[in-house]
Amino acid sequence: QVQLVESGGGLVQAGASLRLSCVASGRSLSPNSLAWFRQAPGKEREFVAAISWIGRTTYSTDSLKGRFTISRDNAENTIYLQMNSLKPEDTAVYYCAADRRTNYIYSEAQYFDEATYADWGQGTQVTVSS
């Protein structure tokens, strides 16, 4: 079983940037789809972005796509989420996730679905002040 550990969260002002990292141990994630989700206070966890094993990316909204970038470094077994122009509404706990199917391409709807991902990190807090 893989262990996922997120880092890079913090308290920033609106307009700032943060880069979240998620380091995996236990097995290589190179054949897997990876994703970032977030959960704001009082809300359900929601999909942010995903990247397939061949590097194809999916974002929850066009607005996020213009500010956030998901990437992966298979050599480092790490997933990144570069977040620019942060807004107070981006305040949430951010989770990374990995599926267990190898070399598989999902439908766009499946990338949005938490059930696609079997392995989750513990989360990192991002707080954006106005």
Foldseek 3Di string as FASTA:
>chain_A
DKAKAKDFADEEAAQAKIKMKIFIDDDFQLFWKKFKWWDDPPGDIWGAKIAHSVGDIDGPDVVSVVFWDWDDDRVRSMIMIIGGRDDQVVWTWMKMFIADDGNDDDDNVLSGDPVRTDYMYPTDTHGYHD
